[in-house]
Amino acid sequence: MSESVRGRLLVATPTLYDPNFFRSVVLVLEHGEDGALGVVLNRPSETALGETLPDWNRLASDPGVVFVGGPVSPDAAIGVARAGTPDHTEGWAPLFGTLGTVDLGRDPLDVPVDVQNLRVFAGYAGWSEGQLDGELDTGGWFVVDAAPDDVFTADPARLWASVLRRQGGRLAMFASAPPHPSLN
């Protein structure tokens, strides 16, 4: 296994045409010997969070919709929040920094942390043992550091380009690549 990319962003290269990941930005939640799991940060759905999880709606970052986290288990919901506590407690599992997952099955008032921002993802991106490492080795993804507000961006449509631009140098050039570089 290559070095873990847990807590980092996978930014799809301009030539990754898989419709699930075309121009996607994925936050890696887990990456180990058994595989990897992440959520796509820039695929908002048209479903308002209030329609599916009304009790959590007041904590949602704009836009207040459910995001398509990936093609695996689309009926499963993952809540990623900023709460500012690194302690694991019932209903809260820290990931890295101030980010963690919240138990969306609980009443938000019963979660023992102060949720400052929330994004809810339907489904997730999953890779079996060695699969993500193979995709990284073949250049399918750029691996970059996450900025604190990437998960909660109010403008997910521009996230792919803005993450690439802030890298500077060679990676910044890709931000203005046409949707299908081979047709250029």
C-alpha atoms as a PDB file:
ATOM      1  CA  MET A   1       0.000   0.000   0.000  1.00  0.00           C
ATOM      2  CA  SER A   2       1.212   3.487  -0.786  1.00  0.00           C
ATOM      3  CA  GLU A   3       1.158   6.241   1.827  1.00  0.00           C
ATOM      4  CA  SER A   4      -2.337   6.867   3.194  1.00  0.00           C
ATOM      5  CA  VAL A   5      -4.202   9.831   1.722  1.00  0.00           C
ATOM      6  CA  ARG A   6      -6.730   9.954   4.586  1.00  0.00           C
ATOM      7  CA  GLY A   7      -7.789  13.537   5.192  1.00  0.00           C
ATOM      8  CA  ARG A   8      -6.625  14.709   1.779  1.00  0.00           C
ATOM      9  CA  LEU A   9      -8.473  15.506  -1.414  1.00  0.00           C
ATOM     10  CA  LEU A  10      -8.543  13.431  -4.562  1.00  0.00           C
ATOM     11  CA  VAL A  11      -9.069  15.780  -7.485  1.00  0.00           C
ATOM     12  CA  ALA A  12     -10.043  14.033 -10.710  1.00  0.00           C
ATOM     13  CA  THR A  13      -7.608  14.591 -13.546  1.00  0.00           C
ATOM     14  CA  PRO A  14      -9.152  16.139 -16.674  1.00  0.00           C
ATOM     15  CA  THR A  15      -8.963  12.747 -18.405  1.00  0.00           C
ATOM     16  CA  LEU A  16     -10.964  10.839 -15.756  1.00  0.00           C
ATOM     17  CA  TYR A  17     -14.207  10.456 -17.675  1.00  0.00           C
ATOM     18  CA  ASP A  18     -16.051   8.055 -15.362  1.00  0.00           C
ATOM     19  CA  PRO A  19     -19.407   9.859 -14.919  1.00  0.00           C
ATOM     20  CA  ASN A  20     -19.323   9.201 -11.164  1.00  0.00           C
ATOM     21  CA  PHE A  21     -16.049  11.079 -10.825  1.00  0.00           C
ATOM     22  CA  PHE A  22     -15.735  13.432 -13.806  1.00  0.00           C
ATOM     23  CA  ARG A  23     -14.236  16.677 -12.421  1.00  0.00           C
ATOM     24  CA  SER A  24     -14.937  15.542  -8.891  1.00  0.00           C
ATOM     25  CA  VAL A  25     -13.258  16.452  -5.633  1.00  0.00           C
ATOM     26  CA  VAL A  26     -13.289  13.597  -3.116  1.00  0.00           C
ATOM     27  CA  LEU A  27     -12.493  13.944   0.572  1.00  0.00           C
ATOM     28  CA  VAL A  28     -10.823  10.715   1.706  1.00  0.00           C
ATOM     29  CA  LEU A  29     -12.318   9.632   5.038  1.00  0.00           C
ATOM     30  CA  GLU A  30     -10.440   6.313   5.333  1.00  0.00           C
ATOM     31  CA  HIS A  31      -7.505   4.765   3.473  1.00  0.00           C
ATOM     32  CA  GLY A  32      -5.791   1.649   4.698  1.00  0.00           C
ATOM     33  CA  GLU A  33      -4.782  -1.852   3.725  1.00  0.00           C
ATOM     34  CA  ASP A  34      -8.426  -2.921   3.345  1.00  0.00           C
ATOM     35  CA  GLY A  35      -9.267  -0.139   0.882  1.00  0.00           C
ATOM     36  CA  ALA A  36     -10.479   3.437   0.932  1.00  0.00           C
ATOM     37  CA  LEU A  37     -13.655   5.424   1.426  1.00  0.00           C
ATOM     38  CA  GLY A  38     -14.456   9.044   0.631  1.00  0.00           C
ATOM     39  CA  VAL A  39     -17.233  11.434  -0.288  1.00  0.00           C
ATOM     40  CA  VAL A  40     -17.572  13.559  -3.416  1.00  0.00           C
ATOM     41  CA  LEU A  41     -17.712  17.188  -2.287  1.00  0.00           C
ATOM     42  CA  ASN A  42     -19.014  18.811  -5.449  1.00  0.00           C
ATOM     43  CA  ARG A  43     -22.138  16.858  -6.459  1.00  0.00           C
ATOM     44  CA  PRO A  44     -25.162  18.554  -4.897  1.00  0.00           C
ATOM     45  CA  SER A  45     -28.476  16.850  -5.518  1.00  0.00           C
ATOM     46  CA  GLU A  46     -31.784  18.651  -5.890  1.00  0.00           C
ATOM     47  CA  THR A  47     -33.097  17.115  -2.664  1.00  0.00           C
ATOM     48  CA  ALA A  48     -33.356  19.632   0.152  1.00  0.00           C
ATOM     49  CA  LEU A  49     -31.917  18.299   3.390  1.00  0.00           C
ATOM     50  CA  GLY A  50     -35.122  19.390   5.113  1.00  0.00           C
ATOM     51  CA  GLU A  51     -37.080  16.869   3.008  1.00  0.00           C
ATOM     52  CA  THR A  52     -35.067  13.909   4.237  1.00  0.00           C
ATOM     53  CA  LEU A  53     -33.616  14.948   7.610  1.00  0.00           C
ATOM     54  CA  PRO A  54     -35.677  17.918   8.804  1.00  0.00           C
ATOM     55  CA  ASP A  55     -34.168  17.962  12.315  1.00  0.00           C
ATOM     56  CA  TRP A  56     -30.674  18.454  10.866  1.00  0.00           C
ATOM     57  CA  ASN A  57     -31.661  21.111   8.324  1.00  0.00           C
ATOM     58  CA  ARG A  58     -30.834  24.102  10.564  1.00  0.00           C
ATOM     59  CA  LEU A  59     -27.191  22.914  10.793  1.00  0.00           C
ATOM     60  CA  ALA A  60     -26.689  22.457   7.047  1.00  0.00           C
ATOM     61  CA  SER A  61     -24.177  24.607   5.213  1.00  0.00           C
ATOM     62  CA  ASP A  62     -25.409  26.360   2.062  1.00  0.00           C
ATOM     63  CA  PRO A  63     -26.603  24.992  -0.245  1.00  0.00           C
ATOM     64  CA  GLY A  64     -28.858  23.085   2.157  1.00  0.00           C
ATOM     65  CA  VAL A  65     -29.214  19.998  -0.018  1.00  0.00           C
ATOM     66  CA  VAL A  66     -28.117  16.382   0.188  1.00  0.00           C
ATOM     67  CA  PHE A  67     -24.926  15.777  -1.787  1.00  0.00           C
ATOM     68  CA  VAL A  68     -24.230  12.682  -3.901  1.00  0.00           C
ATOM     69  CA  GLY A  69     -21.268  11.266  -2.002  1.00  0.00           C
ATOM     70  CA  GLY A  70     -20.558   8.538  -4.538  1.00  0.00           C
ATOM     71  CA  PRO A  71     -21.972   5.492  -6.289  1.00  0.00           C
ATOM     72  CA  VAL A  72     -21.676   3.031  -3.364  1.00  0.00           C
ATOM     73  CA  SER A  73     -24.733   2.555  -1.091  1.00  0.00           C
ATOM     74  CA  PRO A  74     -26.714   5.549  -2.396  1.00  0.00           C
ATOM     75  CA  ASP A  75     -29.373   4.999   0.300  1.00  0.00           C
ATOM     76  CA  ALA A  76     -26.818   5.390   3.107  1.00  0.00           C
ATOM     77  CA  ALA A  77     -26.322   8.867   4.576  1.00  0.00           C
ATOM     78  CA  ILE A  78     -23.013  10.158   5.920  1.00  0.00           C
ATOM     79  CA  GLY A  79     -22.954  13.391   7.888  1.00  0.00           C
ATOM     80  CA  VAL A  80     -19.650  15.240   7.894  1.00  0.00           C
ATOM     81  CA  ALA A  81     -19.463  18.123  10.329  1.00  0.00           C
ATOM     82  CA  ARG A  82     -17.119  20.655  11.822  1.00  0.00           C
ATOM     83  CA  ALA A  83     -17.423  20.560  15.578  1.00  0.00           C
ATOM     84  CA  GLY A  84     -14.082  21.601  16.956  1.00  0.00           C
ATOM     85  CA  THR A  85     -13.519  18.647  19.263  1.00  0.00           C
ATOM     86  CA  PRO A  86     -11.111  15.771  18.688  1.00  0.00           C
ATOM     87  CA  ASP A  87     -12.762  13.501  21.250  1.00  0.00           C
ATOM     88  CA  HIS A  88     -14.677  10.407  20.200  1.00  0.00           C
ATOM     89  CA  THR A  89     -18.036  10.285  21.914  1.00  0.00           C
ATOM     90  CA  GLU A  90     -21.384   8.666  21.234  1.00  0.00           C
ATOM     91  CA  GLY A  91     -22.818  10.211  18.072  1.00  0.00           C
ATOM     92  CA  TRP A  92     -19.535  11.869  17.019  1.00  0.00           C
ATOM     93  CA  ALA A  93     -16.480  10.272  15.433  1.00  0.00           C
ATOM     94  CA  PRO A  94     -13.548  12.608  14.754  1.00  0.00           C
ATOM     95  CA  LEU A  95     -11.835  12.246  11.390  1.00  0.00           C
ATOM     96  CA  PHE A  96      -9.043  14.838  11.332  1.00  0.00           C
ATOM     97  CA  GLY A  97      -8.684  18.440  12.384  1.00  0.00           C
ATOM     98  CA  THR A  98     -12.085  19.752  13.414  1.00  0.00           C
ATOM     99  CA  LEU A  99     -13.961  17.409  11.053  1.00  0.00           C
ATOM    100  CA  GLY A 100     -15.840  14.313  12.045  1.00  0.00           C
ATOM    101  CA  THR A 101     -18.908  12.282  11.251  1.00  0.00           C
ATOM    102  CA  VAL A 102     -22.150  12.658  13.127  1.00  0.00           C
ATOM    103  CA  ASP A 103     -24.772   9.993  13.718  1.00  0.00           C
ATOM    104  CA  LEU A 104     -27.672  11.280  11.625  1.00  0.00           C
ATOM    105  CA  GLY A 105     -30.000   8.762  13.285  1.00  0.00           C
ATOM    106  CA  ARG A 106     -29.835  10.775  16.487  1.00  0.00           C
ATOM    107  CA  ASP A 107     -31.622  13.972  17.363  1.00  0.00           C
ATOM    108  CA  PRO A 108     -29.109  16.783  16.680  1.00  0.00           C
ATOM    109  CA  LEU A 109     -29.776  18.132  20.171  1.00  0.00           C
ATOM    110  CA  ASP A 110     -28.559  14.806  21.616  1.00  0.00           C
ATOM    111  CA  VAL A 111     -25.194  14.883  19.835  1.00  0.00           C
ATOM    112  CA  PRO A 112     -22.708  15.876  22.550  1.00  0.00           C
ATOM    113  CA  VAL A 113     -20.683  18.262  20.366  1.00  0.00           C
ATOM    114  CA  ASP A 114     -21.343  21.736  19.043  1.00  0.00           C
ATOM    115  CA  VAL A 115     -21.912  21.152  15.316  1.00  0.00           C
ATOM    116  CA  GLN A 116     -20.830  24.315  13.517  1.00  0.00           C
ATOM    117  CA  ASN A 117     -21.241  23.145   9.900  1.00  0.00           C
ATOM    118  CA  LEU A 118     -22.864  20.078   8.375  1.00  0.00           C
ATOM    119  CA  ARG A 119     -22.911  18.441   4.982  1.00  0.00           C
ATOM    120  CA  VAL A 120     -24.927  15.275   4.335  1.00  0.00           C
ATOM    121  CA  PHE A 121     -23.868  12.823   1.635  1.00  0.00           C
ATOM    122  CA  ALA A 122     -26.009  10.084   0.097  1.00  0.00           C
ATOM    123  CA  GLY A 123     -23.662   7.235  -0.735  1.00  0.00           C
ATOM    124  CA  TYR A 124     -19.915   7.271  -0.876  1.00  0.00           C
ATOM    125  CA  ALA A 125     -16.930   6.481  -3.066  1.00  0.00           C
ATOM    126  CA  GLY A 126     -15.314   3.185  -2.150  1.00  0.00           C
ATOM    127  CA  TRP A 127     -12.201   1.383  -3.281  1.00  0.00           C
ATOM    128  CA  SER A 128     -11.298  -2.225  -2.508  1.00  0.00           C
ATOM    129  CA  GLU A 129      -7.865  -3.272  -1.278  1.00  0.00           C
ATOM    130  CA  GLY A 130      -5.209  -1.771  -3.572  1.00  0.00           C
ATOM    131  CA  GLN A 131      -7.735  -0.235  -5.985  1.00  0.00           C
ATOM    132  CA  LEU A 132      -7.166   3.411  -5.051  1.00  0.00           C
ATOM    133  CA  ASP A 133      -3.404   2.851  -4.943  1.00  0.00           C
ATOM    134  CA  GLY A 134      -3.619   1.557  -8.513  1.00  0.00           C
ATOM    135  CA  GLU A 135      -5.626   4.590  -9.640  1.00  0.00           C
ATOM    136  CA  LEU A 136      -3.091   6.884  -7.992  1.00  0.00           C
ATOM    137  CA  ASP A 137      -0.194   5.043  -9.640  1.00  0.00           C
ATOM    138  CA  THR A 138      -1.771   5.430 -13.096  1.00  0.00           C
ATOM    139  CA  GLY A 139      -2.399   9.162 -12.605  1.00  0.00           C
ATOM    140  CA  GLY A 140      -6.179   9.138 -12.307  1.00  0.00           C
ATOM    141  CA  TRP A 141      -6.167  11.574  -9.389  1.00  0.00           C
ATOM    142  CA  PHE A 142      -4.236  14.542  -8.122  1.00  0.00           C
ATOM    143  CA  VAL A 143      -3.738  14.289  -4.340  1.00  0.00           C
ATOM    144  CA  VAL A 144      -3.774  17.672  -2.599  1.00  0.00           C
ATOM    145  CA  ASP A 145      -4.302  19.067   0.863  1.00  0.00           C
ATOM    146  CA  ALA A 146      -7.815  20.002   1.869  1.00  0.00           C
ATOM    147  CA  ALA A 147      -8.622  23.562   2.920  1.00  0.00           C
ATOM    148  CA  PRO A 148     -10.835  23.962   5.995  1.00  0.00           C
ATOM    149  CA  ASP A 149     -13.895  25.069   4.022  1.00  0.00           C
ATOM    150  CA  ASP A 150     -13.727  22.669   1.054  1.00  0.00           C
ATOM    151  CA  VAL A 151     -16.300  20.328   2.604  1.00  0.00           C
ATOM    152  CA  PHE A 152     -18.747  23.160   3.275  1.00  0.00           C
ATOM    153  CA  THR A 153     -18.300  25.287   0.149  1.00  0.00           C
ATOM    154  CA  ALA A 154     -21.346  27.319  -0.840  1.00  0.00           C
ATOM    155  CA  ASP A 155     -20.256  27.039  -4.497  1.00  0.00           C
ATOM    156  CA  PRO A 156     -19.668  23.336  -5.209  1.00  0.00           C
ATOM    157  CA  ALA A 157     -19.818  23.844  -8.989  1.00  0.00           C
ATOM    158  CA  ARG A 158     -16.532  25.800  -8.840  1.00  0.00           C
ATOM    159  CA  LEU A 159     -14.749  23.592  -6.296  1.00  0.00           C
ATOM    160  CA  TRP A 160     -12.823  21.455  -8.802  1.00  0.00           C
ATOM    161  CA  ALA A 161     -11.297  24.471 -10.553  1.00  0.00           C
ATOM    162  CA  SER A 162     -10.690  26.463  -7.379  1.00  0.00           C
ATOM    163  CA  VAL A 163      -8.875  23.578  -5.652  1.00  0.00           C
ATOM    164  CA  LEU A 164      -6.614  23.155  -8.689  1.00  0.00           C
ATOM    165  CA  ARG A 165      -5.997  26.922  -9.042  1.00  0.00           C
ATOM    166  CA  ARG A 166      -4.849  27.316  -5.450  1.00  0.00           C
ATOM    167  CA  GLN A 167      -2.173  24.632  -5.976  1.00  0.00           C
ATOM    168  CA  GLY A 168      -0.225  26.933  -8.282  1.00  0.00           C
ATOM    169  CA  GLY A 169       2.257  25.743 -10.894  1.00  0.00           C
ATOM    170  CA  ARG A 170       1.426  22.855 -13.182  1.00  0.00           C
ATOM    171  CA  LEU A 171      -1.745  21.815 -11.337  1.00  0.00           C
ATOM    172  CA  ALA A 172      -3.226  25.311 -11.620  1.00  0.00           C
ATOM    173  CA  MET A 173      -3.076  25.014 -15.415  1.00  0.00           C
ATOM    174  CA  PHE A 174      -5.515  22.099 -15.330  1.00  0.00           C
ATOM    175  CA  ALA A 175      -8.203  24.327 -13.782  1.00  0.00           C
ATOM    176  CA  SER A 176      -8.879  25.861 -17.188  1.00  0.00           C
ATOM    177  CA  ALA A 177      -8.735  22.598 -19.162  1.00  0.00           C
ATOM    178  CA  PRO A 178     -11.707  22.095 -21.507  1.00  0.00           C
ATOM    179  CA  PRO A 179     -14.180  19.378 -20.448  1.00  0.00           C
ATOM    180  CA  HIS A 180     -12.693  16.981 -22.992  1.00  0.00           C
ATOM    181  CA  PRO A 181      -9.033  17.952 -23.578  1.00  0.00           C
ATOM    182  CA  SER A 182      -8.710  15.427 -26.412  1.00  0.00           C
ATOM    183  CA  LEU A 183     -11.178  17.512 -28.454  1.00  0.00           C
ATOM    184  CA  ASN A 184      -9.084  20.655 -28.061  1.00  0.00           C
END
